[in-house]
Amino acid sequence: MSKKDTEGHHKAGTVDERKKMGVANWMRWQLSIGLLEERWKPGYCLPPEGEICKEYNVSRNSYDKARQELITKGVLEAEKGSGTRVTENFHTYMLRDDLHLVIRLEPGEFSDMLEFRHNVELICAALAAERATGADLLALSAALETMKASLGDPEAFSRAECDFHYALIDATHSNVWIRAAGAVRGDFLAFIAEINEAGVLPQSVPAHEMLYQALQDRDAIAAPRAMATLLLLAKEASRSVEQRRKAQHGQQLRIMAGRK
C-alpha cells in the first residue's frame, strides 16, 4: 500500500473504511457508487486516471486494480486513445456481487428470488442437518447471535441473516449448491434487506432459532419444516414490500404530475 493510499480520505468514505476494505476494494466501491448514482451513464467516459486518483486520493496502482475488476465484470471497457468508459449494456445487477452494496431488486427479480429460495433452501436445510460439522454450527451460531444483537439495526440484521443462510448452505458441503447460491448472494442480501427495511419481523429470530436447533439435533425432517416457516414469513413480508413499492410508485407519479 502506497503512502498516497493512507493519507486523507474522500468525502464518501473514512480512513477506517479504507483500512477495513483495502484501498483497491474501497476504490471499486466508490466507482460502483458513482455508477449507481448515474454519475457515469452507459457509454460515458470516466475522467482521466490522474483526475480520479486526485479526487479520491488513491495511488494509480489502487485505481487500476479497482478499474480492472469492473472491466472483468463487463461494467467498464478500456479503449486505447479513448480512456475508460461504461459499457453500453451496463445494468445495476452487474454490481450485486459486491456485498458492500445493497442494490434493490426489480419487481420481477423479487418474486424470482422468493421462488429460488423455496427450491433451494428446503433441500439445503435437510442436507445441512445431516452433514453440518462443529465448525458449521459455530458459524451458524455466530450469525444468529449477531442477528439478536442487531434487532435495532435492520441493515446489520439483514447482513447477519444473509450470513446465517449462507452458513447453512455451506453446511451442505455440496460444491454445486454452494456455487449456485454463491452466484446470487448479492440478490439474496437485497431480498432480505428490503423485507427488513421497515423493521425486523418479530417472528424472525425465534424462527431462525428453531431452524438452528433442528440442525444441532441433526433432524433432517424438522430442519426443512423450520425453513418452510421462515419462507412463509418471507412470502408474507414480500406482500408488504409490494404494497410499499406500489405506494412509493404512486407517490412518485403524483409528484411528477404536480410538476407538469
C-alpha atoms as a PDB file:
ATOM      1  CA  MET A   1       0.000   0.000   0.000  1.00  0.00           C
ATOM      2  CA  SER A   2       1.474   3.338  -1.012  1.00  0.00           C
ATOM      3  CA  LYS A   3       1.820   6.391   1.198  1.00  0.00           C
ATOM      4  CA  LYS A   4      -0.715   8.163  -1.015  1.00  0.00           C
ATOM      5  CA  ASP A   5      -3.293   5.482  -0.249  1.00  0.00           C
ATOM      6  CA  THR A   6      -3.066   6.083   3.517  1.00  0.00           C
ATOM      7  CA  GLU A   7      -3.248   9.873   3.522  1.00  0.00           C
ATOM      8  CA  GLY A   8      -6.570  11.694   3.899  1.00  0.00           C
ATOM      9  CA  HIS A   9      -9.946  10.404   2.773  1.00  0.00           C
ATOM     10  CA  HIS A  10     -12.614  11.141   0.216  1.00  0.00           C
ATOM     11  CA  LYS A  11     -15.896  12.642   1.408  1.00  0.00           C
ATOM     12  CA  ALA A  12     -17.715   9.341   0.659  1.00  0.00           C
ATOM     13  CA  GLY A  13     -15.539   7.202   2.913  1.00  0.00           C
ATOM     14  CA  THR A  14     -13.417   7.353   6.053  1.00  0.00           C
ATOM     15  CA  VAL A  15      -9.841   6.225   6.663  1.00  0.00           C
ATOM     16  CA  ASP A  16     -11.247   3.348   8.764  1.00  0.00           C
ATOM     17  CA  GLU A  17     -13.371   2.188   5.819  1.00  0.00           C
ATOM     18  CA  ARG A  18     -10.287   2.162   3.601  1.00  0.00           C
ATOM     19  CA  LYS A  19      -8.278   0.140   6.093  1.00  0.00           C
ATOM     20  CA  LYS A  20     -11.117  -2.302   6.674  1.00  0.00           C
ATOM     21  CA  MET A  21     -11.878  -2.853   2.998  1.00  0.00           C
ATOM     22  CA  GLY A  22      -8.422  -2.361   1.486  1.00  0.00           C
ATOM     23  CA  VAL A  23      -7.783   0.647  -0.738  1.00  0.00           C
ATOM     24  CA  ALA A  24      -8.379  -1.093  -4.088  1.00  0.00           C
ATOM     25  CA  ASN A  25     -11.672  -2.561  -2.834  1.00  0.00           C
ATOM     26  CA  TRP A  26     -12.669   0.811  -1.397  1.00  0.00           C
ATOM     27  CA  MET A  27     -11.900   2.461  -4.742  1.00  0.00           C
ATOM     28  CA  ARG A  28     -14.009  -0.128  -6.568  1.00  0.00           C
ATOM     29  CA  TRP A  29     -16.815   0.608  -4.094  1.00  0.00           C
ATOM     30  CA  GLN A  30     -16.568   4.335  -4.833  1.00  0.00           C
ATOM     31  CA  LEU A  31     -16.651   3.734  -8.587  1.00  0.00           C
ATOM     32  CA  SER A  32     -19.670   1.465  -8.114  1.00  0.00           C
ATOM     33  CA  ILE A  33     -21.476   4.148  -6.124  1.00  0.00           C
ATOM     34  CA  GLY A  34     -20.752   6.639  -8.915  1.00  0.00           C
ATOM     35  CA  LEU A  35     -22.259   4.228 -11.433  1.00  0.00           C
ATOM     36  CA  LEU A  36     -25.346   3.573  -9.294  1.00  0.00           C
ATOM     37  CA  GLU A  37     -25.865   7.302  -8.813  1.00  0.00           C
ATOM     38  CA  GLU A  38     -25.547   7.724 -12.598  1.00  0.00           C
ATOM     39  CA  ARG A  39     -22.555   9.991 -12.327  1.00  0.00           C
ATOM     40  CA  TRP A  40     -21.307   7.999 -15.320  1.00  0.00           C
ATOM     41  CA  LYS A  41     -24.011   6.549 -17.562  1.00  0.00           C
ATOM     42  CA  PRO A  42     -23.693   3.737 -20.144  1.00  0.00           C
ATOM     43  CA  GLY A  43     -21.411   4.876 -22.940  1.00  0.00           C
ATOM     44  CA  TYR A  44     -19.922   7.713 -20.875  1.00  0.00           C
ATOM     45  CA  CYS A  45     -16.168   8.011 -20.335  1.00  0.00           C
ATOM     46  CA  LEU A  46     -14.744   8.139 -16.829  1.00  0.00           C
ATOM     47  CA  PRO A  47     -12.489  11.114 -16.036  1.00  0.00           C
ATOM     48  CA  PRO A  48      -8.766  10.639 -16.777  1.00  0.00           C
ATOM     49  CA  GLU A  49      -6.869   8.383 -14.379  1.00  0.00           C
ATOM     50  CA  GLY A  50      -4.894  11.224 -12.813  1.00  0.00           C
ATOM     51  CA  GLU A  51      -8.050  13.206 -12.136  1.00  0.00           C
ATOM     52  CA  ILE A  52      -9.812  10.304 -10.402  1.00  0.00           C
ATOM     53  CA  CYS A  53      -6.716   9.441  -8.343  1.00  0.00           C
ATOM     54  CA  LYS A  54      -6.524  13.036  -7.150  1.00  0.00           C
ATOM     55  CA  GLU A  55     -10.238  13.258  -6.370  1.00  0.00           C
ATOM     56  CA  TYR A  56     -10.273  10.065  -4.301  1.00  0.00           C
ATOM     57  CA  ASN A  57      -6.695  10.443  -3.040  1.00  0.00           C
ATOM     58  CA  VAL A  58      -5.519   6.979  -4.097  1.00  0.00           C
ATOM     59  CA  SER A  59      -2.494   5.696  -5.985  1.00  0.00           C
ATOM     60  CA  ARG A  60      -2.664   4.836  -9.674  1.00  0.00           C
ATOM     61  CA  ASN A  61      -1.991   1.223  -8.757  1.00  0.00           C
ATOM     62  CA  SER A  62      -5.049   1.023  -6.454  1.00  0.00           C
ATOM     63  CA  TYR A  63      -7.241   2.749  -9.031  1.00  0.00           C
ATOM     64  CA  ASP A  64      -6.041   0.421 -11.776  1.00  0.00           C
ATOM     65  CA  LYS A  65      -6.848  -2.672  -9.676  1.00  0.00           C
ATOM     66  CA  ALA A  66     -10.352  -1.340  -8.982  1.00  0.00           C
ATOM     67  CA  ARG A  67     -10.897  -0.403 -12.620  1.00  0.00           C
ATOM     68  CA  GLN A  68      -9.661  -3.794 -13.831  1.00  0.00           C
ATOM     69  CA  GLU A  69     -12.131  -5.648 -11.593  1.00  0.00           C
ATOM     70  CA  LEU A  70     -15.006  -3.668 -13.088  1.00  0.00           C
ATOM     71  CA  ILE A  71     -13.667  -4.338 -16.591  1.00  0.00           C
ATOM     72  CA  THR A  72     -13.629  -8.072 -15.801  1.00  0.00           C
ATOM     73  CA  LYS A  73     -17.286  -7.848 -14.686  1.00  0.00           C
ATOM     74  CA  GLY A  74     -18.200  -6.221 -18.009  1.00  0.00           C
ATOM     75  CA  VAL A  75     -19.113  -2.940 -16.294  1.00  0.00           C
ATOM     76  CA  LEU A  76     -16.301  -0.896 -17.836  1.00  0.00           C
ATOM     77  CA  GLU A  77     -14.250  -1.172 -21.012  1.00  0.00           C
ATOM     78  CA  ALA A  78     -10.898   0.380 -21.872  1.00  0.00           C
ATOM     79  CA  GLU A  79     -10.035   1.612 -25.345  1.00  0.00           C
ATOM     80  CA  LYS A  80      -6.671   2.909 -26.499  1.00  0.00           C
ATOM     81  CA  GLY A  81      -6.852   6.620 -27.033  1.00  0.00           C
ATOM     82  CA  SER A  82     -10.391   6.824 -25.614  1.00  0.00           C
ATOM     83  CA  GLY A  83      -9.773   6.046 -21.951  1.00  0.00           C
ATOM     84  CA  THR A  84     -12.218   4.024 -19.840  1.00  0.00           C
ATOM     85  CA  ARG A  85     -15.934   4.091 -20.488  1.00  0.00           C
ATOM     86  CA  VAL A  86     -19.064   2.485 -19.047  1.00  0.00           C
ATOM     87  CA  THR A  87     -20.252  -0.350 -21.274  1.00  0.00           C
ATOM     88  CA  GLU A  88     -23.447   0.275 -23.244  1.00  0.00           C
ATOM     89  CA  ASN A  89     -25.107  -2.784 -21.687  1.00  0.00           C
ATOM     90  CA  PHE A  90     -24.309  -1.841 -18.073  1.00  0.00           C
ATOM     91  CA  HIS A  91     -27.048  -2.742 -15.591  1.00  0.00           C
ATOM     92  CA  THR A  92     -27.042  -2.473 -11.821  1.00  0.00           C
ATOM     93  CA  TYR A  93     -27.326  -6.268 -11.394  1.00  0.00           C
ATOM     94  CA  MET A  94     -23.693  -6.483 -12.556  1.00  0.00           C
ATOM     95  CA  LEU A  95     -22.661  -4.969  -9.214  1.00  0.00           C
ATOM     96  CA  ARG A  96     -24.801  -7.113  -6.903  1.00  0.00           C
ATOM     97  CA  ASP A  97     -21.985  -9.492  -6.009  1.00  0.00           C
ATOM     98  CA  ASP A  98     -20.309  -6.588  -4.168  1.00  0.00           C
ATOM     99  CA  LEU A  99     -21.704  -7.109  -0.673  1.00  0.00           C
ATOM    100  CA  HIS A 100     -20.601  -3.632   0.386  1.00  0.00           C
ATOM    101  CA  LEU A 101     -23.573  -2.505  -1.711  1.00  0.00           C
ATOM    102  CA  VAL A 102     -27.231  -3.424  -1.348  1.00  0.00           C
ATOM    103  CA  ILE A 103     -28.896  -2.889  -4.712  1.00  0.00           C
ATOM    104  CA  ARG A 104     -32.680  -3.084  -4.799  1.00  0.00           C
ATOM    105  CA  LEU A 105     -34.166  -5.895  -6.871  1.00  0.00           C
ATOM    106  CA  GLU A 106     -36.520  -5.251  -9.757  1.00  0.00           C
ATOM    107  CA  PRO A 107     -40.149  -6.330  -9.073  1.00  0.00           C
ATOM    108  CA  GLY A 108     -39.822  -9.478 -11.200  1.00  0.00           C
ATOM    109  CA  GLU A 109     -36.493 -10.363  -9.610  1.00  0.00           C
ATOM    110  CA  PHE A 110     -38.016 -10.103  -6.144  1.00  0.00           C
ATOM    111  CA  SER A 111     -40.567 -12.824  -6.898  1.00  0.00           C
ATOM    112  CA  ASP A 112     -37.871 -14.859  -8.680  1.00  0.00           C
ATOM    113  CA  MET A 113     -35.722 -14.739  -5.554  1.00  0.00           C
ATOM    114  CA  LEU A 114     -38.592 -15.993  -3.422  1.00  0.00           C
ATOM    115  CA  GLU A 115     -39.043 -18.878  -5.865  1.00  0.00           C
ATOM    116  CA  PHE A 116     -35.292 -19.612  -5.793  1.00  0.00           C
ATOM    117  CA  ARG A 117     -35.299 -19.763  -2.009  1.00  0.00           C
ATOM    118  CA  HIS A 118     -38.231 -22.199  -1.957  1.00  0.00           C
ATOM    119  CA  ASN A 119     -36.488 -24.513  -4.398  1.00  0.00           C
ATOM    120  CA  VAL A 120     -33.026 -24.383  -2.835  1.00  0.00           C
ATOM    121  CA  GLU A 121     -33.275 -23.798   0.890  1.00  0.00           C
ATOM    122  CA  LEU A 122     -35.685 -26.591   1.788  1.00  0.00           C
ATOM    123  CA  ILE A 123     -33.311 -29.143   0.271  1.00  0.00           C
ATOM    124  CA  CYS A 124     -30.249 -27.459   1.764  1.00  0.00           C
ATOM    125  CA  ALA A 125     -31.817 -27.446   5.243  1.00  0.00           C
ATOM    126  CA  ALA A 126     -32.263 -31.222   5.141  1.00  0.00           C
ATOM    127  CA  LEU A 127     -28.736 -31.782   3.806  1.00  0.00           C
ATOM    128  CA  ALA A 128     -27.214 -29.421   6.378  1.00  0.00           C
ATOM    129  CA  ALA A 129     -28.970 -31.296   9.195  1.00  0.00           C
ATOM    130  CA  GLU A 130     -27.255 -34.479   8.043  1.00  0.00           C
ATOM    131  CA  ARG A 131     -23.830 -33.039   7.176  1.00  0.00           C
ATOM    132  CA  ALA A 132     -23.127 -29.997   9.373  1.00  0.00           C
ATOM    133  CA  THR A 133     -19.794 -30.115  11.204  1.00  0.00           C
ATOM    134  CA  GLY A 134     -18.946 -28.475  14.502  1.00  0.00           C
ATOM    135  CA  ALA A 135     -17.367 -25.591  12.595  1.00  0.00           C
ATOM    136  CA  ASP A 136     -20.559 -25.165  10.549  1.00  0.00           C
ATOM    137  CA  LEU A 137     -22.676 -24.993  13.705  1.00  0.00           C
ATOM    138  CA  LEU A 138     -20.321 -22.396  15.185  1.00  0.00           C
ATOM    139  CA  ALA A 139     -20.688 -20.244  12.054  1.00  0.00           C
ATOM    140  CA  LEU A 140     -24.476 -20.549  12.232  1.00  0.00           C
ATOM    141  CA  SER A 141     -24.482 -19.725  15.944  1.00  0.00           C
ATOM    142  CA  ALA A 142     -22.271 -16.659  15.417  1.00  0.00           C
ATOM    143  CA  ALA A 143     -24.572 -15.329  12.694  1.00  0.00           C
ATOM    144  CA  LEU A 144     -27.629 -15.955  14.879  1.00  0.00           C
ATOM    145  CA  GLU A 145     -26.072 -14.089  17.821  1.00  0.00           C
ATOM    146  CA  THR A 146     -25.258 -11.146  15.547  1.00  0.00           C
ATOM    147  CA  MET A 147     -28.871 -11.116  14.387  1.00  0.00           C
ATOM    148  CA  LYS A 148     -30.056 -10.925  18.008  1.00  0.00           C
ATOM    149  CA  ALA A 149     -27.624  -8.109  18.754  1.00  0.00           C
ATOM    150  CA  SER A 150     -28.751  -6.151  15.673  1.00  0.00           C
ATOM    151  CA  LEU A 151     -32.520  -6.054  16.153  1.00  0.00           C
ATOM    152  CA  GLY A 152     -32.482  -2.255  16.191  1.00  0.00           C
ATOM    153  CA  ASP A 153     -30.371  -2.019  13.042  1.00  0.00           C
ATOM    154  CA  PRO A 154     -32.215  -3.509  10.029  1.00  0.00           C
ATOM    155  CA  GLU A 155     -29.172  -3.277   7.736  1.00  0.00           C
ATOM    156  CA  ALA A 156     -26.827  -5.061  10.161  1.00  0.00           C
ATOM    157  CA  PHE A 157     -29.559  -7.601  10.931  1.00  0.00           C
ATOM    158  CA  SER A 158     -30.046  -8.301   7.218  1.00  0.00           C
ATOM    159  CA  ARG A 159     -26.332  -8.907   6.657  1.00  0.00           C
ATOM    160  CA  ALA A 160     -26.221 -11.282   9.632  1.00  0.00           C
ATOM    161  CA  GLU A 161     -29.356 -13.073   8.410  1.00  0.00           C
ATOM    162  CA  CYS A 162     -27.749 -13.485   4.993  1.00  0.00           C
ATOM    163  CA  ASP A 163     -24.634 -14.889   6.706  1.00  0.00           C
ATOM    164  CA  PHE A 164     -26.820 -17.385   8.594  1.00  0.00           C
ATOM    165  CA  HIS A 165     -28.495 -18.703   5.459  1.00  0.00           C
ATOM    166  CA  TYR A 166     -25.216 -18.969   3.586  1.00  0.00           C
ATOM    167  CA  ALA A 167     -23.596 -20.740   6.543  1.00  0.00           C
ATOM    168  CA  LEU A 168     -26.443 -23.248   6.259  1.00  0.00           C
ATOM    169  CA  ILE A 169     -25.768 -23.704   2.543  1.00  0.00           C
ATOM    170  CA  ASP A 170     -22.050 -24.147   3.280  1.00  0.00           C
ATOM    171  CA  ALA A 171     -23.038 -26.833   5.801  1.00  0.00           C
ATOM    172  CA  THR A 172     -24.423 -28.984   2.963  1.00  0.00           C
ATOM    173  CA  HIS A 173     -20.818 -29.473   1.787  1.00  0.00           C
ATOM    174  CA  SER A 174     -22.199 -29.687  -1.737  1.00  0.00           C
ATOM    175  CA  ASN A 175     -19.994 -27.717  -4.120  1.00  0.00           C
ATOM    176  CA  VAL A 176     -22.841 -27.427  -6.628  1.00  0.00           C
ATOM    177  CA  TRP A 177     -25.314 -25.935  -4.134  1.00  0.00           C
ATOM    178  CA  ILE A 178     -22.632 -23.653  -2.696  1.00  0.00           C
ATOM    179  CA  ARG A 179     -21.618 -22.347  -6.141  1.00  0.00           C
ATOM    180  CA  ALA A 180     -25.225 -21.935  -7.297  1.00  0.00           C
ATOM    181  CA  ALA A 181     -26.216 -19.979  -4.196  1.00  0.00           C
ATOM    182  CA  GLY A 182     -22.969 -18.004  -4.221  1.00  0.00           C
ATOM    183  CA  ALA A 183     -23.795 -16.654  -7.669  1.00  0.00           C
ATOM    184  CA  VAL A 184     -26.852 -14.830  -6.292  1.00  0.00           C
ATOM    185  CA  ARG A 185     -25.637 -13.833  -2.831  1.00  0.00           C
ATOM    186  CA  GLY A 186     -25.990 -10.140  -3.643  1.00  0.00           C
ATOM    187  CA  ASP A 187     -29.585 -10.721  -4.795  1.00  0.00           C
ATOM    188  CA  PHE A 188     -30.256 -12.723  -1.632  1.00  0.00           C
ATOM    189  CA  LEU A 189     -28.979  -9.881   0.557  1.00  0.00           C
ATOM    190  CA  ALA A 190     -31.049  -7.336  -1.390  1.00  0.00           C
ATOM    191  CA  PHE A 191     -34.155  -9.513  -0.926  1.00  0.00           C
ATOM    192  CA  ILE A 192     -33.678  -9.798   2.839  1.00  0.00           C
ATOM    193  CA  ALA A 193     -32.710  -6.143   3.258  1.00  0.00           C
ATOM    194  CA  GLU A 194     -35.899  -4.944   1.590  1.00  0.00           C
ATOM    195  CA  ILE A 195     -38.061  -7.230   3.723  1.00  0.00           C
ATOM    196  CA  ASN A 196     -36.386  -5.863   6.867  1.00  0.00           C
ATOM    197  CA  GLU A 197     -36.377  -2.262   5.642  1.00  0.00           C
ATOM    198  CA  ALA A 198     -39.459  -1.238   7.603  1.00  0.00           C
ATOM    199  CA  GLY A 199     -38.235  -3.083  10.705  1.00  0.00           C
ATOM    200  CA  VAL A 200     -37.142  -6.604  11.599  1.00  0.00           C
ATOM    201  CA  LEU A 201     -40.031  -9.085  11.794  1.00  0.00           C
ATOM    202  CA  PRO A 202     -40.658 -10.065  15.460  1.00  0.00           C
ATOM    203  CA  GLN A 203     -41.008 -13.741  14.469  1.00  0.00           C
ATOM    204  CA  SER A 204     -37.708 -13.795  12.576  1.00  0.00           C
ATOM    205  CA  VAL A 205     -35.291 -14.609  15.405  1.00  0.00           C
ATOM    206  CA  PRO A 206     -37.457 -17.340  17.043  1.00  0.00           C
ATOM    207  CA  ALA A 207     -37.946 -18.973  13.629  1.00  0.00           C
ATOM    208  CA  HIS A 208     -34.198 -18.945  12.981  1.00  0.00           C
ATOM    209  CA  GLU A 209     -33.600 -20.360  16.467  1.00  0.00           C
ATOM    210  CA  MET A 210     -35.937 -23.263  15.674  1.00  0.00           C
ATOM    211  CA  LEU A 211     -34.017 -23.939  12.478  1.00  0.00           C
ATOM    212  CA  TYR A 212     -30.679 -23.792  14.280  1.00  0.00           C
ATOM    213  CA  GLN A 213     -31.946 -26.207  16.945  1.00  0.00           C
ATOM    214  CA  ALA A 214     -33.069 -28.674  14.266  1.00  0.00           C
ATOM    215  CA  LEU A 215     -29.629 -28.504  12.652  1.00  0.00           C
ATOM    216  CA  GLN A 216     -27.979 -29.016  16.030  1.00  0.00           C
ATOM    217  CA  ASP A 217     -30.222 -32.031  16.650  1.00  0.00           C
ATOM    218  CA  ARG A 218     -29.355 -33.353  13.169  1.00  0.00           C
ATOM    219  CA  ASP A 219     -33.065 -33.650  12.470  1.00  0.00           C
ATOM    220  CA  ALA A 220     -33.431 -33.786   8.679  1.00  0.00           C
ATOM    221  CA  ILE A 221     -37.230 -33.640   8.982  1.00  0.00           C
ATOM    222  CA  ALA A 222     -37.547 -30.743  11.448  1.00  0.00           C
ATOM    223  CA  ALA A 223     -34.933 -28.606   9.661  1.00  0.00           C
ATOM    224  CA  PRO A 224     -36.830 -28.213   6.366  1.00  0.00           C
ATOM    225  CA  ARG A 225     -40.048 -27.687   8.347  1.00  0.00           C
ATOM    226  CA  ALA A 226     -38.387 -24.828  10.229  1.00  0.00           C
ATOM    227  CA  MET A 227     -37.078 -23.464   6.938  1.00  0.00           C
ATOM    228  CA  ALA A 228     -40.598 -23.650   5.487  1.00  0.00           C
ATOM    229  CA  THR A 229     -41.777 -21.436   8.365  1.00  0.00           C
ATOM    230  CA  LEU A 230     -39.088 -18.886   7.515  1.00  0.00           C
ATOM    231  CA  LEU A 231     -40.012 -18.967   3.844  1.00  0.00           C
ATOM    232  CA  LEU A 232     -43.680 -18.443   4.726  1.00  0.00           C
ATOM    233  CA  LEU A 233     -42.670 -15.369   6.751  1.00  0.00           C
ATOM    234  CA  ALA A 234     -40.672 -14.128   3.764  1.00  0.00           C
ATOM    235  CA  LYS A 235     -43.632 -14.669   1.451  1.00  0.00           C
ATOM    236  CA  GLU A 236     -45.974 -12.747   3.756  1.00  0.00           C
ATOM    237  CA  ALA A 237     -43.422  -9.954   4.148  1.00  0.00           C
ATOM    238  CA  SER A 238     -42.989  -9.780   0.384  1.00  0.00           C
ATOM    239  CA  ARG A 239     -46.640  -8.732   0.105  1.00  0.00           C
ATOM    240  CA  SER A 240     -45.886  -5.763   2.354  1.00  0.00           C
ATOM    241  CA  VAL A 241     -42.899  -4.942   0.167  1.00  0.00           C
ATOM    242  CA  GLU A 242     -45.096  -4.991  -2.939  1.00  0.00           C
ATOM    243  CA  GLN A 243     -47.651  -2.711  -1.268  1.00  0.00           C
ATOM    244  CA  ARG A 244     -44.882  -0.346  -0.170  1.00  0.00           C
ATOM    245  CA  ARG A 245     -43.433  -0.287  -3.666  1.00  0.00           C
ATOM    246  CA  LYS A 246     -46.833   0.463  -5.202  1.00  0.00           C
ATOM    247  CA  ALA A 247     -47.406   3.266  -2.710  1.00  0.00           C
ATOM    248  CA  GLN A 248     -43.973   4.731  -3.440  1.00  0.00           C
ATOM    249  CA  HIS A 249     -44.592   4.460  -7.172  1.00  0.00           C
ATOM    250  CA  GLY A 250     -47.961   6.161  -6.776  1.00  0.00           C
ATOM    251  CA  GLN A 251     -46.344   8.924  -4.756  1.00  0.00           C
ATOM    252  CA  GLN A 252     -43.693   9.391  -7.457  1.00  0.00           C
ATOM    253  CA  LEU A 253     -46.415   9.663 -10.098  1.00  0.00           C
ATOM    254  CA  ARG A 254     -48.236  12.279  -8.019  1.00  0.00           C
ATOM    255  CA  ILE A 255     -45.008  14.255  -7.627  1.00  0.00           C
ATOM    256  CA  MET A 256     -44.333  14.049 -11.360  1.00  0.00           C
ATOM    257  CA  ALA A 257     -47.900  15.093 -12.156  1.00  0.00           C
ATOM    258  CA  GLY A 258     -47.516  18.058  -9.831  1.00  0.00           C
ATOM    259  CA  ARG A 259     -44.504  19.254 -11.768  1.00  0.00           C
ATOM    260  CA  LYS A 260     -46.352  19.452 -15.086  1.00  0.00           C
END
